C-alpha cells in the first residue's frame, strides 16, 4: 500500500468533524480500494455477477456511514474496508445460494498466496465459516487471516493494525493457514 500520510490526517480530520476531509480522502484511497476490490473479485468465480467497481462503491458507502469507528490510521481504514468487502461478497453469495435453494455453493478462486496453496478453489461460505470458527478459538489469528487474505495487508501493516510484532504476525499466519487447510480438508 502507498504510504501517504494524507490518509491518516484526512481520517483524523473527518473524525474531528471536518466533513470536507471525506471529500479529500476519497481520491486518495480510491486506487487502493479498487486494488482491494479487484483482488477480492479475482478469487471469485468467473461468472460472478458482482463487479469490482460495484463492490468498491458499496464498501465505500458503508465506510462513510461508520460514525462510531475511531479511525486510527490508513492501515486501520483499509482493514475495515477489507472486512466490509468480505461481508458484501458473503452477503451476495448467500443471496445467490438461497435463491437457488440448495444449488451449488459459490466458489472462491484462490491465487498463489492463498490459504490453501495448492487448491484451485474453495467454497466461499465454508471458508467464511472456517474463519469464524478460528476467530472463536483464537481471535487474533482469525483477524490476521482476514487482514492478510481479504485486505492483502503486509505483515508489517497487520502488525501496525493489531499492535503486535511483525514476527508474531508471521507466526500466527503460518499457524492459522495450517489450521484452515486442515479444517477445510476435513469439511470437504
C-alpha atoms as a PDB file:
ATOM      1  CA  UNK A   1       0.000   0.000   0.000  1.00  0.00           C
ATOM      2  CA  UNK A   2       1.052   3.513  -0.688  1.00  0.00           C
ATOM      3  CA  UNK A   3       2.410   5.198   2.430  1.00  0.00           C
ATOM      4  CA  UNK A   4       0.636   8.518   2.132  1.00  0.00           C
ATOM      5  CA  UNK A   5       0.430  10.446   5.409  1.00  0.00           C
ATOM      6  CA  UNK A   6      -2.565  12.324   3.971  1.00  0.00           C
ATOM      7  CA  UNK A   7      -4.902   9.350   4.533  1.00  0.00           C
ATOM      8  CA  UNK A   8      -4.296   9.287   8.267  1.00  0.00           C
ATOM      9  CA  UNK A   9      -4.618  13.070   8.516  1.00  0.00           C
ATOM     10  CA  UNK A  10      -7.843  13.101   6.467  1.00  0.00           C
ATOM     11  CA  UNK A  11      -9.271  10.345   8.701  1.00  0.00           C
ATOM     12  CA  UNK A  12      -8.346  12.289  11.827  1.00  0.00           C
ATOM     13  CA  UNK A  13      -9.846  15.475  10.381  1.00  0.00           C
ATOM     14  CA  UNK A  14     -13.039  13.621   9.415  1.00  0.00           C
ATOM     15  CA  UNK A  15     -13.263  12.075  12.892  1.00  0.00           C
ATOM     16  CA  UNK A  16     -12.894  15.595  14.325  1.00  0.00           C
ATOM     17  CA  UNK A  17     -15.954  16.698  12.347  1.00  0.00           C
ATOM     18  CA  UNK A  18     -14.427  18.148   9.161  1.00  0.00           C
ATOM     19  CA  UNK A  19     -16.924  16.940   6.530  1.00  0.00           C
ATOM     20  CA  UNK A  20     -14.686  18.223   3.702  1.00  0.00           C
ATOM     21  CA  UNK A  21     -11.958  15.804   4.804  1.00  0.00           C
ATOM     22  CA  UNK A  22     -14.114  12.996   3.424  1.00  0.00           C
ATOM     23  CA  UNK A  23     -14.100  14.689   0.011  1.00  0.00           C
ATOM     24  CA  UNK A  24     -10.315  14.965   0.140  1.00  0.00           C
ATOM     25  CA  UNK A  25      -9.964  11.365   1.342  1.00  0.00           C
ATOM     26  CA  UNK A  26     -11.819   9.597  -1.450  1.00  0.00           C
ATOM     27  CA  UNK A  27      -9.487  10.392  -4.361  1.00  0.00           C
ATOM     28  CA  UNK A  28      -6.508   9.378  -2.224  1.00  0.00           C
ATOM     29  CA  UNK A  29      -7.957   5.995  -1.176  1.00  0.00           C
ATOM     30  CA  UNK A  30      -9.909   5.090  -4.311  1.00  0.00           C
ATOM     31  CA  UNK A  31      -6.988   3.449  -6.128  1.00  0.00           C
ATOM     32  CA  UNK A  32      -6.175   1.272  -3.128  1.00  0.00           C
ATOM     33  CA  UNK A  33      -9.843   0.385  -2.583  1.00  0.00           C
ATOM     34  CA  UNK A  34     -10.035  -0.561  -6.248  1.00  0.00           C
ATOM     35  CA  UNK A  35      -6.957  -2.784  -5.858  1.00  0.00           C
ATOM     36  CA  UNK A  36      -8.537  -4.480  -2.834  1.00  0.00           C
ATOM     37  CA  UNK A  37     -11.792  -4.920  -4.744  1.00  0.00           C
ATOM     38  CA  UNK A  38     -10.037  -6.403  -7.761  1.00  0.00           C
ATOM     39  CA  UNK A  39      -8.042  -8.718  -5.519  1.00  0.00           C
ATOM     40  CA  UNK A  40     -11.241  -9.919  -3.866  1.00  0.00           C
ATOM     41  CA  UNK A  41     -13.011 -10.364  -7.190  1.00  0.00           C
ATOM     42  CA  UNK A  42     -10.083 -12.282  -8.746  1.00  0.00           C
ATOM     43  CA  UNK A  43     -10.765 -15.012  -6.229  1.00  0.00           C
ATOM     44  CA  UNK A  44     -14.425 -15.261  -7.176  1.00  0.00           C
ATOM     45  CA  UNK A  45     -15.925 -17.472  -9.876  1.00  0.00           C
ATOM     46  CA  UNK A  46     -15.501 -16.171 -13.391  1.00  0.00           C
ATOM     47  CA  UNK A  47     -19.268 -15.843 -13.888  1.00  0.00           C
ATOM     48  CA  UNK A  48     -19.735 -13.765 -10.727  1.00  0.00           C
ATOM     49  CA  UNK A  49     -22.427 -11.135 -11.184  1.00  0.00           C
ATOM     50  CA  UNK A  50     -20.878  -8.563  -8.855  1.00  0.00           C
ATOM     51  CA  UNK A  51     -18.226  -6.356 -10.467  1.00  0.00           C
ATOM     52  CA  UNK A  52     -15.178  -4.914  -8.673  1.00  0.00           C
ATOM     53  CA  UNK A  53     -16.441  -1.348  -9.144  1.00  0.00           C
ATOM     54  CA  UNK A  54     -19.809  -2.189  -7.566  1.00  0.00           C
ATOM     55  CA  UNK A  55     -18.036  -3.912  -4.676  1.00  0.00           C
ATOM     56  CA  UNK A  56     -15.848  -0.847  -4.083  1.00  0.00           C
ATOM     57  CA  UNK A  57     -18.731   1.582  -4.249  1.00  0.00           C
ATOM     58  CA  UNK A  58     -20.863  -0.464  -1.864  1.00  0.00           C
ATOM     59  CA  UNK A  59     -17.928  -0.777   0.566  1.00  0.00           C
ATOM     60  CA  UNK A  60     -17.240   2.965   0.309  1.00  0.00           C
ATOM     61  CA  UNK A  61     -20.869   3.818   1.044  1.00  0.00           C
ATOM     62  CA  UNK A  62     -20.723   1.617   4.135  1.00  0.00           C
ATOM     63  CA  UNK A  63     -17.394   3.134   5.192  1.00  0.00           C
ATOM     64  CA  UNK A  64     -18.650   6.712   5.132  1.00  0.00           C
ATOM     65  CA  UNK A  65     -21.631   5.713   7.266  1.00  0.00           C
ATOM     66  CA  UNK A  66     -19.316   4.484  10.029  1.00  0.00           C
ATOM     67  CA  UNK A  67     -19.690   7.260  12.571  1.00  0.00           C
ATOM     68  CA  UNK A  68     -18.763   5.147  15.597  1.00  0.00           C
ATOM     69  CA  UNK A  69     -15.427   3.960  14.245  1.00  0.00           C
ATOM     70  CA  UNK A  70     -12.471   5.749  15.778  1.00  0.00           C
ATOM     71  CA  UNK A  71     -10.213   5.834  12.744  1.00  0.00           C
ATOM     72  CA  UNK A  72      -6.615   5.287  13.805  1.00  0.00           C
ATOM     73  CA  UNK A  73      -4.674   5.445  10.551  1.00  0.00           C
ATOM     74  CA  UNK A  74      -4.634   4.308   6.917  1.00  0.00           C
ATOM     75  CA  UNK A  75      -3.955   0.643   7.792  1.00  0.00           C
ATOM     76  CA  UNK A  76      -6.986   0.625  10.071  1.00  0.00           C
ATOM     77  CA  UNK A  77      -9.114   2.216   7.344  1.00  0.00           C
ATOM     78  CA  UNK A  78      -8.118  -0.391   4.760  1.00  0.00           C
ATOM     79  CA  UNK A  79      -8.558  -3.218   7.260  1.00  0.00           C
ATOM     80  CA  UNK A  80     -12.131  -2.072   7.906  1.00  0.00           C
ATOM     81  CA  UNK A  81     -12.657  -1.691   4.139  1.00  0.00           C
ATOM     82  CA  UNK A  82     -11.455  -5.250   3.538  1.00  0.00           C
ATOM     83  CA  UNK A  83     -13.779  -6.565   6.231  1.00  0.00           C
ATOM     84  CA  UNK A  84     -16.679  -4.766   4.600  1.00  0.00           C
ATOM     85  CA  UNK A  85     -15.777  -6.166   1.176  1.00  0.00           C
ATOM     86  CA  UNK A  86     -15.668  -9.656   2.685  1.00  0.00           C
ATOM     87  CA  UNK A  87     -19.132  -9.153   4.187  1.00  0.00           C
ATOM     88  CA  UNK A  88     -20.535  -7.779   0.928  1.00  0.00           C
ATOM     89  CA  UNK A  89     -19.189 -10.771  -1.025  1.00  0.00           C
ATOM     90  CA  UNK A  90     -20.563 -13.189   1.563  1.00  0.00           C
ATOM     91  CA  UNK A  91     -23.952 -11.495   1.582  1.00  0.00           C
ATOM     92  CA  UNK A  92     -24.012 -11.649  -2.217  1.00  0.00           C
ATOM     93  CA  UNK A  93     -23.027 -15.350  -2.149  1.00  0.00           C
ATOM     94  CA  UNK A  94     -25.656 -16.162   0.469  1.00  0.00           C
ATOM     95  CA  UNK A  95     -28.372 -14.399  -1.549  1.00  0.00           C
ATOM     96  CA  UNK A  96     -27.348 -16.293  -4.693  1.00  0.00           C
ATOM     97  CA  UNK A  97     -27.235 -19.594  -2.826  1.00  0.00           C
ATOM     98  CA  UNK A  98     -30.605 -19.101  -1.147  1.00  0.00           C
ATOM     99  CA  UNK A  99     -32.144 -18.035  -4.464  1.00  0.00           C
ATOM    100  CA  UNK A 100     -31.058 -21.336  -5.972  1.00  0.00           C
ATOM    101  CA  UNK A 101     -32.364 -23.198  -2.876  1.00  0.00           C
ATOM    102  CA  UNK A 102     -29.642 -25.697  -2.478  1.00  0.00           C
ATOM    103  CA  UNK A 103     -27.806 -25.040  -5.718  1.00  0.00           C
ATOM    104  CA  UNK A 104     -24.044 -25.297  -5.920  1.00  0.00           C
ATOM    105  CA  UNK A 105     -22.055 -23.419  -3.296  1.00  0.00           C
ATOM    106  CA  UNK A 106     -20.276 -20.264  -4.521  1.00  0.00           C
ATOM    107  CA  UNK A 107     -16.607 -20.973  -5.125  1.00  0.00           C
ATOM    108  CA  UNK A 108     -13.724 -18.674  -4.301  1.00  0.00           C
ATOM    109  CA  UNK A 109     -10.795 -18.854  -6.703  1.00  0.00           C
ATOM    110  CA  UNK A 110      -7.575 -18.866  -4.766  1.00  0.00           C
ATOM    111  CA  UNK A 111      -4.355 -17.339  -6.036  1.00  0.00           C
ATOM    112  CA  UNK A 112      -0.772 -18.361  -5.239  1.00  0.00           C
ATOM    113  CA  UNK A 113      -0.791 -16.526  -1.911  1.00  0.00           C
ATOM    114  CA  UNK A 114      -3.993 -18.260  -0.911  1.00  0.00           C
ATOM    115  CA  UNK A 115      -4.636 -20.038   2.302  1.00  0.00           C
ATOM    116  CA  UNK A 116      -4.777 -23.498   0.801  1.00  0.00           C
ATOM    117  CA  UNK A 117      -1.843 -23.068  -1.550  1.00  0.00           C
ATOM    118  CA  UNK A 118      -2.437 -25.984  -3.916  1.00  0.00           C
ATOM    119  CA  UNK A 119      -6.245 -25.961  -4.015  1.00  0.00           C
ATOM    120  CA  UNK A 120      -7.656 -24.206  -7.105  1.00  0.00           C
ATOM    121  CA  UNK A 121     -10.889 -23.134  -5.419  1.00  0.00           C
ATOM    122  CA  UNK A 122     -12.777 -23.373  -2.158  1.00  0.00           C
ATOM    123  CA  UNK A 123     -16.379 -22.816  -1.113  1.00  0.00           C
ATOM    124  CA  UNK A 124     -16.605 -19.159  -0.023  1.00  0.00           C
ATOM    125  CA  UNK A 125     -19.236 -19.869   2.609  1.00  0.00           C
ATOM    126  CA  UNK A 126     -17.175 -22.782   4.019  1.00  0.00           C
ATOM    127  CA  UNK A 127     -14.087 -20.550   4.138  1.00  0.00           C
ATOM    128  CA  UNK A 128     -16.035 -17.869   5.970  1.00  0.00           C
ATOM    129  CA  UNK A 129     -17.357 -20.411   8.480  1.00  0.00           C
ATOM    130  CA  UNK A 130     -13.823 -21.730   8.993  1.00  0.00           C
ATOM    131  CA  UNK A 131     -12.515 -18.204   9.620  1.00  0.00           C
ATOM    132  CA  UNK A 132     -15.384 -17.556  12.049  1.00  0.00           C
ATOM    133  CA  UNK A 133     -14.522 -20.773  13.918  1.00  0.00           C
ATOM    134  CA  UNK A 134     -10.861 -19.783  14.007  1.00  0.00           C
ATOM    135  CA  UNK A 135     -11.790 -16.349  15.350  1.00  0.00           C
ATOM    136  CA  UNK A 136     -13.748 -18.000  18.176  1.00  0.00           C
ATOM    137  CA  UNK A 137     -10.763 -20.207  19.046  1.00  0.00           C
ATOM    138  CA  UNK A 138      -8.104 -17.553  18.526  1.00  0.00           C
ATOM    139  CA  UNK A 139      -9.468 -14.077  17.721  1.00  0.00           C
ATOM    140  CA  UNK A 140      -6.099 -12.575  16.844  1.00  0.00           C
ATOM    141  CA  UNK A 141      -5.176 -15.365  14.415  1.00  0.00           C
ATOM    142  CA  UNK A 142      -8.578 -15.028  12.769  1.00  0.00           C
ATOM    143  CA  UNK A 143      -8.009 -11.310  12.355  1.00  0.00           C
ATOM    144  CA  UNK A 144      -4.541 -11.934  10.884  1.00  0.00           C
ATOM    145  CA  UNK A 145      -6.132 -14.220   8.261  1.00  0.00           C
ATOM    146  CA  UNK A 146      -8.812 -11.669   7.446  1.00  0.00           C
ATOM    147  CA  UNK A 147      -6.326  -8.822   7.093  1.00  0.00           C
ATOM    148  CA  UNK A 148      -3.836 -10.828   5.030  1.00  0.00           C
ATOM    149  CA  UNK A 149      -6.225 -12.773   2.848  1.00  0.00           C
ATOM    150  CA  UNK A 150      -9.055 -10.316   2.282  1.00  0.00           C
ATOM    151  CA  UNK A 151      -7.246  -6.990   2.731  1.00  0.00           C
ATOM    152  CA  UNK A 152      -3.925  -8.052   1.257  1.00  0.00           C
ATOM    153  CA  UNK A 153      -2.099  -6.211   4.036  1.00  0.00           C
ATOM    154  CA  UNK A 154       1.577  -6.985   4.561  1.00  0.00           C
ATOM    155  CA  UNK A 155       2.865  -8.472   7.805  1.00  0.00           C
ATOM    156  CA  UNK A 156       4.154  -5.024   8.757  1.00  0.00           C
ATOM    157  CA  UNK A 157       0.759  -3.387   8.124  1.00  0.00           C
ATOM    158  CA  UNK A 158      -1.059  -6.125  10.039  1.00  0.00           C
ATOM    159  CA  UNK A 159       1.365  -5.642  12.930  1.00  0.00           C
ATOM    160  CA  UNK A 160       0.512  -1.914  12.933  1.00  0.00           C
ATOM    161  CA  UNK A 161      -3.240  -2.559  12.917  1.00  0.00           C
ATOM    162  CA  UNK A 162      -3.122  -5.221  15.635  1.00  0.00           C
ATOM    163  CA  UNK A 163      -0.327  -3.544  17.611  1.00  0.00           C
ATOM    164  CA  UNK A 164       1.806  -6.697  17.705  1.00  0.00           C
ATOM    165  CA  UNK A 165       5.230  -7.538  16.314  1.00  0.00           C
ATOM    166  CA  UNK A 166       5.787  -8.484  12.695  1.00  0.00           C
ATOM    167  CA  UNK A 167       7.292 -11.807  13.861  1.00  0.00           C
ATOM    168  CA  UNK A 168       4.078 -12.580  15.767  1.00  0.00           C
ATOM    169  CA  UNK A 169       2.016 -11.832  12.652  1.00  0.00           C
ATOM    170  CA  UNK A 170       4.145 -14.204  10.575  1.00  0.00           C
ATOM    171  CA  UNK A 171       3.942 -16.942  13.204  1.00  0.00           C
ATOM    172  CA  UNK A 172       0.165 -16.588  13.572  1.00  0.00           C
ATOM    173  CA  UNK A 173      -0.315 -16.541   9.794  1.00  0.00           C
ATOM    174  CA  UNK A 174       1.592 -19.838   9.441  1.00  0.00           C
ATOM    175  CA  UNK A 175      -0.422 -21.436  12.237  1.00  0.00           C
ATOM    176  CA  UNK A 176      -3.763 -20.091  11.005  1.00  0.00           C
ATOM    177  CA  UNK A 177      -3.095 -21.129   7.411  1.00  0.00           C
ATOM    178  CA  UNK A 178      -2.262 -24.687   8.524  1.00  0.00           C
ATOM    179  CA  UNK A 179      -5.349 -24.800  10.760  1.00  0.00           C
ATOM    180  CA  UNK A 180      -7.624 -23.570   7.952  1.00  0.00           C
ATOM    181  CA  UNK A 181      -6.132 -26.009   5.464  1.00  0.00           C
ATOM    182  CA  UNK A 182      -6.766 -28.891   7.853  1.00  0.00           C
ATOM    183  CA  UNK A 183     -10.255 -27.653   8.825  1.00  0.00           C
ATOM    184  CA  UNK A 184     -11.378 -27.185   5.217  1.00  0.00           C
ATOM    185  CA  UNK A 185      -9.954 -30.547   4.091  1.00  0.00           C
ATOM    186  CA  UNK A 186     -11.895 -32.240   6.925  1.00  0.00           C
ATOM    187  CA  UNK A 187     -15.110 -30.464   5.925  1.00  0.00           C
ATOM    188  CA  UNK A 188     -14.819 -31.468   2.263  1.00  0.00           C
END
